[in-house]
Every structure is written in C-alpha cells, then in structure tokens.
Amino acid sequence: MTSGKGGVGKTTITAALGRSLASLGERTVVLDADIGLNNLDVVLGIDTRIVYDIVDVIEGRCRVRQALIEDIDQPGLYVLPSAHSYDRAKITGQNIKEVVCRLAQTFDYILVDCPAGIEAGFKRAISSCEEAVLVTTPHISSVRDAETVMNLLRRNGISHIFTVVNRVRGDMLLSGEMLSKSDIERLTGAEVFGMIPEEDGMNLLS
C-alpha cells in the first residue's frame, strides 16, 4: 500500500482493506513499515496495547507472533506495529523481507503500509511486496507523484499495480476542479480500479 504524497488516506485504506479481507475469512495481517512516522496503530486503535514492534522482531527480542496484536473490532485481523523511535537506517529491505516471509507461513494476505514518497523507507518497504495498491487523490500534483511511484514500482519488479483514487468530490468533478477517472488513467497510463468519495462525517473504519 503506497502513495506518492502523504495525507491521501493510504493508512486508512490499508486498515479498511485489512478489515474487509478478515471479515471474508481471509487470514490477514497489516504491517506498518513507516518506521518513526507510523500511525497505523492509532488508526486501528491498538496503540495502547503494543508490547513489541517490528524492530523487536528484527533484532531478535521476540518472535513475530509475540508482536502481533489482534484488532478488537474485526477478529482475524492482526497488526504488526512499527517503532515510533528508532534509527531507520539500521533497518534494511532484507530485514523486512525476512519478517514478511515468516508471516507468509500463517497468513493469506500481508498488507504492507509503506511510507509516502520515494525515499529509502519506500524502497525498503516494497522489497518484500509482490503487488501494489497505489493511493492518490484527483489532484494533478498527487497524480504526478503517483505516476513517479508507479514507474519506480515497475522498475523494482512490481507489475501488478492497482490504483485507487481517494477523496473524490462529485460536485468538483462536474465543475472540472478535480481530475476525472479517464484523466487520471490518461496521465498515469494505468487503469483506476476504485474511486472513494469524500463525504462529511464519512468513516471508512465504521
């Protein structure tokens, strides 16, 4: 789960998709790979229950199963939290891949919530992924950043990319203030698989 720009709703969509998969009986885990700037634990409301995190797993202080926290609202969904305070340079893509390989022995789906952007954290996170959900909003700056991320994903061997457009306003689409589905597909050269409307009071996790 990735995006070119922060604040587009990637983490919320990660949590919502994880809950949806678990509700269908799929063994699902969401892994927060945004070390130091993570908030998946807050979105899912498990931040006060964390004992171990992914860094503890990587450094051998606990087994991966000990660090997993089951979601209160959706049984069958587990969270592997990230570390709020840690030297990110010490974590490598190989470290993340080893953790994902261990999780793959138990789970049907592993959703990796990547850091926004294209820096080292992004490259570290995608090294363990087979497919990508690319989240953007219908604004030209967000779509341009998404196009850059899409090219990087392909260069790193990830060819199955599903674009999701978040925070879509029908009135602004009609007035031309927001890019349409066809506009985004033309700019990125990739199919848009989903468009999520923005509504006052809407809660994806309710």
C-alpha atoms as a PDB file:
ATOM      1  CA  MET A   1       0.000   0.000   0.000  1.00  0.00           C
ATOM      2  CA  THR A   2       1.792   3.089  -1.236  1.00  0.00           C
ATOM      3  CA  SER A   3       1.366   6.688  -2.367  1.00  0.00           C
ATOM      4  CA  GLY A   4       3.466   9.421  -3.860  1.00  0.00           C
ATOM      5  CA  LYS A   5       2.199  12.066  -1.474  1.00  0.00           C
ATOM      6  CA  GLY A   6       1.408  11.957   2.226  1.00  0.00           C
ATOM      7  CA  GLY A   7      -2.075  12.672   3.539  1.00  0.00           C
ATOM      8  CA  VAL A   8      -4.002  10.938   0.745  1.00  0.00           C
ATOM      9  CA  GLY A   9      -5.567   8.326   3.049  1.00  0.00           C
ATOM     10  CA  LYS A  10      -3.235   5.398   2.397  1.00  0.00           C
ATOM     11  CA  THR A  11      -3.080   4.216   6.006  1.00  0.00           C
ATOM     12  CA  THR A  12      -6.851   4.454   6.492  1.00  0.00           C
ATOM     13  CA  ILE A  13      -7.424   2.471   3.295  1.00  0.00           C
ATOM     14  CA  THR A  14      -4.863  -0.108   4.461  1.00  0.00           C
ATOM     15  CA  ALA A  15      -6.795  -0.570   7.699  1.00  0.00           C
ATOM     16  CA  ALA A  16     -10.182  -0.702   5.947  1.00  0.00           C
ATOM     17  CA  LEU A  17      -8.984  -3.223   3.359  1.00  0.00           C
ATOM     18  CA  GLY A  18      -7.442  -5.356   6.099  1.00  0.00           C
ATOM     19  CA  ARG A  19     -10.729  -5.441   7.991  1.00  0.00           C
ATOM     20  CA  SER A  20     -12.657  -6.244   4.830  1.00  0.00           C
ATOM     21  CA  LEU A  21     -10.406  -9.189   3.965  1.00  0.00           C
ATOM     22  CA  ALA A  22     -10.571 -10.524   7.519  1.00  0.00           C
ATOM     23  CA  SER A  23     -14.379 -10.237   7.505  1.00  0.00           C
ATOM     24  CA  LEU A  24     -14.376 -12.558   4.465  1.00  0.00           C
ATOM     25  CA  GLY A  25     -12.471 -15.176   6.443  1.00  0.00           C
ATOM     26  CA  GLU A  26      -9.053 -14.406   4.971  1.00  0.00           C
ATOM     27  CA  ARG A  27      -6.159 -14.625   7.418  1.00  0.00           C
ATOM     28  CA  THR A  28      -4.858 -11.072   7.200  1.00  0.00           C
ATOM     29  CA  VAL A  29      -2.070  -9.055   8.808  1.00  0.00           C
ATOM     30  CA  VAL A  30      -1.250  -5.377   8.293  1.00  0.00           C
ATOM     31  CA  LEU A  31       2.397  -4.422   8.713  1.00  0.00           C
ATOM     32  CA  ASP A  32       3.372  -0.808   9.362  1.00  0.00           C
ATOM     33  CA  ALA A  33       6.643  -0.212   7.502  1.00  0.00           C
ATOM     34  CA  ASP A  34       6.725   3.547   8.126  1.00  0.00           C
ATOM     35  CA  ILE A  35       9.309   3.398  10.892  1.00  0.00           C
ATOM     36  CA  GLY A  36       9.425   6.540  13.013  1.00  0.00           C
ATOM     37  CA  LEU A  37       6.383   8.193  11.379  1.00  0.00           C
ATOM     38  CA  ASN A  38       3.925   5.329  11.786  1.00  0.00           C
ATOM     39  CA  ASN A  39       0.256   5.757  12.708  1.00  0.00           C
ATOM     40  CA  LEU A  40      -1.466   2.552  11.591  1.00  0.00           C
ATOM     41  CA  ASP A  41      -1.637   1.571  15.268  1.00  0.00           C
ATOM     42  CA  VAL A  42      -3.531   4.792  16.045  1.00  0.00           C
ATOM     43  CA  VAL A  43      -5.951   4.358  13.115  1.00  0.00           C
ATOM     44  CA  LEU A  44      -6.815   0.834  14.297  1.00  0.00           C
ATOM     45  CA  GLY A  45      -6.926   1.856  17.962  1.00  0.00           C
ATOM     46  CA  ILE A  46      -4.300  -0.609  19.198  1.00  0.00           C
ATOM     47  CA  ASP A  47      -1.590   1.934  20.122  1.00  0.00           C
ATOM     48  CA  THR A  48      -2.059   1.420  23.882  1.00  0.00           C
ATOM     49  CA  ARG A  49      -1.760  -2.378  23.548  1.00  0.00           C
ATOM     50  CA  ILE A  50       1.695  -2.515  21.946  1.00  0.00           C
ATOM     51  CA  VAL A  51       4.310  -4.531  23.819  1.00  0.00           C
ATOM     52  CA  TYR A  52       6.652  -5.466  20.961  1.00  0.00           C
ATOM     53  CA  ASP A  53       7.062  -3.978  17.482  1.00  0.00           C
ATOM     54  CA  ILE A  54       8.717  -4.883  14.186  1.00  0.00           C
ATOM     55  CA  VAL A  55      12.123  -3.682  15.386  1.00  0.00           C
ATOM     56  CA  ASP A  56      11.927  -6.087  18.347  1.00  0.00           C
ATOM     57  CA  VAL A  57      11.237  -8.888  15.871  1.00  0.00           C
ATOM     58  CA  ILE A  58      14.107  -7.894  13.578  1.00  0.00           C
ATOM     59  CA  GLU A  59      16.568  -7.600  16.471  1.00  0.00           C
ATOM     60  CA  GLY A  60      15.503 -10.918  17.963  1.00  0.00           C
ATOM     61  CA  ARG A  61      13.934  -9.696  21.192  1.00  0.00           C
ATOM     62  CA  CYS A  62      10.707 -11.550  20.433  1.00  0.00           C
ATOM     63  CA  ARG A  63       9.113 -13.914  17.929  1.00  0.00           C
ATOM     64  CA  VAL A  64       6.932 -12.403  15.245  1.00  0.00           C
ATOM     65  CA  ARG A  65       3.801 -13.953  16.754  1.00  0.00           C
ATOM     66  CA  GLN A  66       4.509 -12.234  20.087  1.00  0.00           C
ATOM     67  CA  ALA A  67       4.462  -8.823  18.389  1.00  0.00           C
ATOM     68  CA  LEU A  68       1.124  -9.343  16.609  1.00  0.00           C
ATOM     69  CA  ILE A  69      -1.968  -7.624  18.002  1.00  0.00           C
ATOM     70  CA  GLU A  70      -5.463  -8.737  17.024  1.00  0.00           C
ATOM     71  CA  ASP A  71      -7.884  -5.995  16.018  1.00  0.00           C
ATOM     72  CA  ILE A  72     -10.670  -5.546  18.577  1.00  0.00           C
ATOM     73  CA  ASP A  73     -13.370  -4.692  16.026  1.00  0.00           C
ATOM     74  CA  GLN A  74     -12.503  -7.363  13.461  1.00  0.00           C
ATOM     75  CA  PRO A  75     -11.345 -10.754  14.782  1.00  0.00           C
ATOM     76  CA  GLY A  76      -8.897 -12.400  12.417  1.00  0.00           C
ATOM     77  CA  LEU A  77      -7.118  -9.159  11.512  1.00  0.00           C
ATOM     78  CA  TYR A  78      -3.686  -8.779  13.084  1.00  0.00           C
ATOM     79  CA  VAL A  79      -1.354  -5.799  13.230  1.00  0.00           C
ATOM     80  CA  LEU A  80       2.439  -5.844  13.317  1.00  0.00           C
ATOM     81  CA  PRO A  81       3.194  -2.356  14.679  1.00  0.00           C
ATOM     82  CA  SER A  82       6.186  -0.236  13.804  1.00  0.00           C
ATOM     83  CA  ALA A  83       8.585   1.628  16.086  1.00  0.00           C
ATOM     84  CA  HIS A  84       7.977   5.278  16.934  1.00  0.00           C
ATOM     85  CA  SER A  85      11.574   5.997  17.865  1.00  0.00           C
ATOM     86  CA  TYR A  86      14.390   4.216  16.056  1.00  0.00           C
ATOM     87  CA  ASP A  87      17.302   4.824  13.692  1.00  0.00           C
ATOM     88  CA  ARG A  88      15.630   3.865  10.415  1.00  0.00           C
ATOM     89  CA  ALA A  89      18.995   3.493   8.689  1.00  0.00           C
ATOM     90  CA  LYS A  90      19.588   0.306  10.702  1.00  0.00           C
ATOM     91  CA  ILE A  91      16.614  -1.452   9.063  1.00  0.00           C
ATOM     92  CA  THR A  92      17.173  -2.952   5.606  1.00  0.00           C
ATOM     93  CA  GLY A  93      14.871  -4.261   2.913  1.00  0.00           C
ATOM     94  CA  GLN A  94      16.173  -7.738   3.670  1.00  0.00           C
ATOM     95  CA  ASN A  95      15.067  -7.339   7.306  1.00  0.00           C
ATOM     96  CA  ILE A  96      11.516  -6.512   6.193  1.00  0.00           C
ATOM     97  CA  LYS A  97      11.511  -9.362   3.678  1.00  0.00           C
ATOM     98  CA  GLU A  98      12.523 -11.887   6.339  1.00  0.00           C
ATOM     99  CA  VAL A  99       9.663 -10.760   8.589  1.00  0.00           C
ATOM    100  CA  VAL A 100       7.183 -10.983   5.695  1.00  0.00           C
ATOM    101  CA  CYS A 101       8.408 -14.487   4.834  1.00  0.00           C
ATOM    102  CA  ARG A 102       7.712 -15.599   8.401  1.00  0.00           C
ATOM    103  CA  LEU A 103       4.238 -14.052   8.313  1.00  0.00           C
ATOM    104  CA  ALA A 104       3.507 -15.725   4.959  1.00  0.00           C
ATOM    105  CA  GLN A 105       3.657 -19.117   6.674  1.00  0.00           C
ATOM    106  CA  THR A 106       0.475 -18.210   8.607  1.00  0.00           C
ATOM    107  CA  PHE A 107      -1.440 -15.526   6.705  1.00  0.00           C
ATOM    108  CA  ASP A 108      -3.269 -15.361   3.384  1.00  0.00           C
ATOM    109  CA  TYR A 109      -2.737 -11.610   2.952  1.00  0.00           C
ATOM    110  CA  ILE A 110       0.042  -9.361   4.226  1.00  0.00           C
ATOM    111  CA  LEU A 111      -0.663  -5.660   3.665  1.00  0.00           C
ATOM    112  CA  VAL A 112       2.475  -3.533   3.973  1.00  0.00           C
ATOM    113  CA  ASP A 113       1.715   0.109   4.765  1.00  0.00           C
ATOM    114  CA  CYS A 114       4.635   1.866   3.069  1.00  0.00           C
ATOM    115  CA  PRO A 115       5.976   5.336   3.836  1.00  0.00           C
ATOM    116  CA  ALA A 116       4.785   8.010   1.408  1.00  0.00           C
ATOM    117  CA  GLY A 117       7.238   9.249  -1.188  1.00  0.00           C
ATOM    118  CA  ILE A 118      10.187   7.602  -2.903  1.00  0.00           C
ATOM    119  CA  GLU A 119      12.979   7.771  -0.333  1.00  0.00           C
ATOM    120  CA  ALA A 120      14.864   4.930   1.368  1.00  0.00           C
ATOM    121  CA  GLY A 121      11.896   3.901   3.519  1.00  0.00           C
ATOM    122  CA  PHE A 122       9.741   3.359   0.432  1.00  0.00           C
ATOM    123  CA  LYS A 123      12.413   1.236  -1.275  1.00  0.00           C
ATOM    124  CA  ARG A 124      12.948  -0.763   1.920  1.00  0.00           C
ATOM    125  CA  ALA A 125       9.223  -1.480   2.271  1.00  0.00           C
ATOM    126  CA  ILE A 126       8.478  -2.506  -1.327  1.00  0.00           C
ATOM    127  CA  SER A 127      11.354  -5.005  -1.431  1.00  0.00           C
ATOM    128  CA  SER A 128       9.077  -7.607   0.182  1.00  0.00           C
ATOM    129  CA  CYS A 129       5.975  -6.940  -1.933  1.00  0.00           C
ATOM    130  CA  GLU A 130       4.527  -8.783  -4.935  1.00  0.00           C
ATOM    131  CA  GLU A 131       1.676  -6.381  -5.786  1.00  0.00           C
ATOM    132  CA  ALA A 132       0.898  -2.745  -5.049  1.00  0.00           C
ATOM    133  CA  VAL A 133      -2.168  -0.654  -4.291  1.00  0.00           C
ATOM    134  CA  LEU A 134      -1.279   2.916  -5.249  1.00  0.00           C
ATOM    135  CA  VAL A 135      -3.421   5.534  -3.490  1.00  0.00           C
ATOM    136  CA  THR A 136      -3.834   9.021  -4.935  1.00  0.00           C
ATOM    137  CA  THR A 137      -6.328  11.878  -4.924  1.00  0.00           C
ATOM    138  CA  PRO A 138      -7.848  13.518  -8.025  1.00  0.00           C
ATOM    139  CA  HIS A 139      -5.448  16.479  -7.948  1.00  0.00           C
ATOM    140  CA  ILE A 140      -2.730  16.991 -10.536  1.00  0.00           C
ATOM    141  CA  SER A 141       0.136  17.184  -8.009  1.00  0.00           C
ATOM    142  CA  SER A 142      -0.944  13.939  -6.319  1.00  0.00           C
ATOM    143  CA  VAL A 143      -1.409  12.147  -9.641  1.00  0.00           C
ATOM    144  CA  ARG A 144       2.009  13.283 -10.899  1.00  0.00           C
ATOM    145  CA  ASP A 145       3.625  11.932  -7.726  1.00  0.00           C
ATOM    146  CA  ALA A 146       1.665   8.688  -8.139  1.00  0.00           C
ATOM    147  CA  GLU A 147       2.980   8.371 -11.685  1.00  0.00           C
ATOM    148  CA  THR A 148       6.549   8.630 -10.372  1.00  0.00           C
ATOM    149  CA  VAL A 149       5.877   5.940  -7.757  1.00  0.00           C
ATOM    150  CA  MET A 150       4.267   3.703 -10.377  1.00  0.00           C
ATOM    151  CA  ASN A 151       7.397   3.870 -12.548  1.00  0.00           C
ATOM    152  CA  LEU A 152       9.597   3.030  -9.558  1.00  0.00           C
ATOM    153  CA  LEU A 153       7.398   0.078  -8.625  1.00  0.00           C
ATOM    154  CA  ARG A 154       7.700  -1.310 -12.138  1.00  0.00           C
ATOM    155  CA  ARG A 155      11.471  -0.831 -12.142  1.00  0.00           C
ATOM    156  CA  ASN A 156      11.586  -2.832  -8.918  1.00  0.00           C
ATOM    157  CA  GLY A 157       9.714  -5.766 -10.454  1.00  0.00           C
ATOM    158  CA  ILE A 158       6.184  -4.982  -9.232  1.00  0.00           C
ATOM    159  CA  SER A 159       3.969  -5.106 -12.307  1.00  0.00           C
ATOM    160  CA  HIS A 160       0.568  -5.729 -10.694  1.00  0.00           C
ATOM    161  CA  ILE A 161      -0.407  -2.208  -9.588  1.00  0.00           C
ATOM    162  CA  PHE A 162      -3.962  -1.271  -8.579  1.00  0.00           C
ATOM    163  CA  THR A 163      -4.655   2.465  -8.494  1.00  0.00           C
ATOM    164  CA  VAL A 164      -7.233   3.775  -6.019  1.00  0.00           C
ATOM    165  CA  VAL A 165      -8.418   7.392  -6.103  1.00  0.00           C
ATOM    166  CA  ASN A 166      -9.456   8.703  -2.689  1.00  0.00           C
ATOM    167  CA  ARG A 167     -11.365  11.822  -1.581  1.00  0.00           C
ATOM    168  CA  VAL A 168     -13.396  12.204  -4.772  1.00  0.00           C
ATOM    169  CA  ARG A 169     -15.986  15.013  -4.784  1.00  0.00           C
ATOM    170  CA  GLY A 170     -18.797  14.636  -7.327  1.00  0.00           C
ATOM    171  CA  ASP A 171     -19.537  18.373  -7.489  1.00  0.00           C
ATOM    172  CA  MET A 172     -15.879  19.204  -8.158  1.00  0.00           C
ATOM    173  CA  LEU A 173     -15.689  16.508 -10.837  1.00  0.00           C
ATOM    174  CA  LEU A 174     -18.672  18.060 -12.620  1.00  0.00           C
ATOM    175  CA  SER A 175     -17.158  21.548 -12.415  1.00  0.00           C
ATOM    176  CA  GLY A 176     -13.790  20.313 -13.696  1.00  0.00           C
ATOM    177  CA  GLU A 177     -11.981  21.251 -10.478  1.00  0.00           C
ATOM    178  CA  MET A 178     -10.916  17.629  -9.963  1.00  0.00           C
ATOM    179  CA  LEU A 179      -9.432  15.159 -12.420  1.00  0.00           C
ATOM    180  CA  SER A 180     -11.805  12.512 -13.728  1.00  0.00           C
ATOM    181  CA  LYS A 181     -11.147   8.773 -13.836  1.00  0.00           C
ATOM    182  CA  SER A 182     -10.278   8.995 -17.531  1.00  0.00           C
ATOM    183  CA  ASP A 183      -7.965  11.972 -16.899  1.00  0.00           C
ATOM    184  CA  ILE A 184      -6.043  10.006 -14.274  1.00  0.00           C
ATOM    185  CA  GLU A 185      -5.804   6.916 -16.473  1.00  0.00           C
ATOM    186  CA  ARG A 186      -4.509   9.053 -19.345  1.00  0.00           C
ATOM    187  CA  LEU A 187      -1.868  10.742 -17.170  1.00  0.00           C
ATOM    188  CA  THR A 188      -0.634   7.551 -15.472  1.00  0.00           C
ATOM    189  CA  GLY A 189      -1.165   5.084 -18.315  1.00  0.00           C
ATOM    190  CA  ALA A 190      -2.781   2.681 -15.833  1.00  0.00           C
ATOM    191  CA  GLU A 191      -6.331   1.611 -15.037  1.00  0.00           C
ATOM    192  CA  VAL A 192      -8.078   3.077 -11.997  1.00  0.00           C
ATOM    193  CA  PHE A 193      -9.579   0.191 -10.003  1.00  0.00           C
ATOM    194  CA  GLY A 194     -11.513   2.186  -7.431  1.00  0.00           C
ATOM    195  CA  MET A 195     -12.731   5.683  -6.566  1.00  0.00           C
ATOM    196  CA  ILE A 196     -13.656   6.519  -2.976  1.00  0.00           C
ATOM    197  CA  PRO A 197     -15.974   9.504  -2.390  1.00  0.00           C
ATOM    198  CA  GLU A 198     -15.257  12.173   0.170  1.00  0.00           C
ATOM    199  CA  GLU A 199     -18.244  12.769   2.415  1.00  0.00           C
ATOM    200  CA  ASP A 200     -18.648  14.840   5.560  1.00  0.00           C
ATOM    201  CA  GLY A 201     -18.608  12.525   8.553  1.00  0.00           C
ATOM    202  CA  MET A 202     -17.612   9.504   6.493  1.00  0.00           C
ATOM    203  CA  ASN A 203     -15.628   6.920   8.464  1.00  0.00           C
ATOM    204  CA  LEU A 204     -14.005   4.119   6.467  1.00  0.00           C
ATOM    205  CA  LEU A 205     -13.482   2.080   9.615  1.00  0.00           C
ATOM    206  CA  SER A 206     -17.035   2.238  10.943  1.00  0.00           C
END
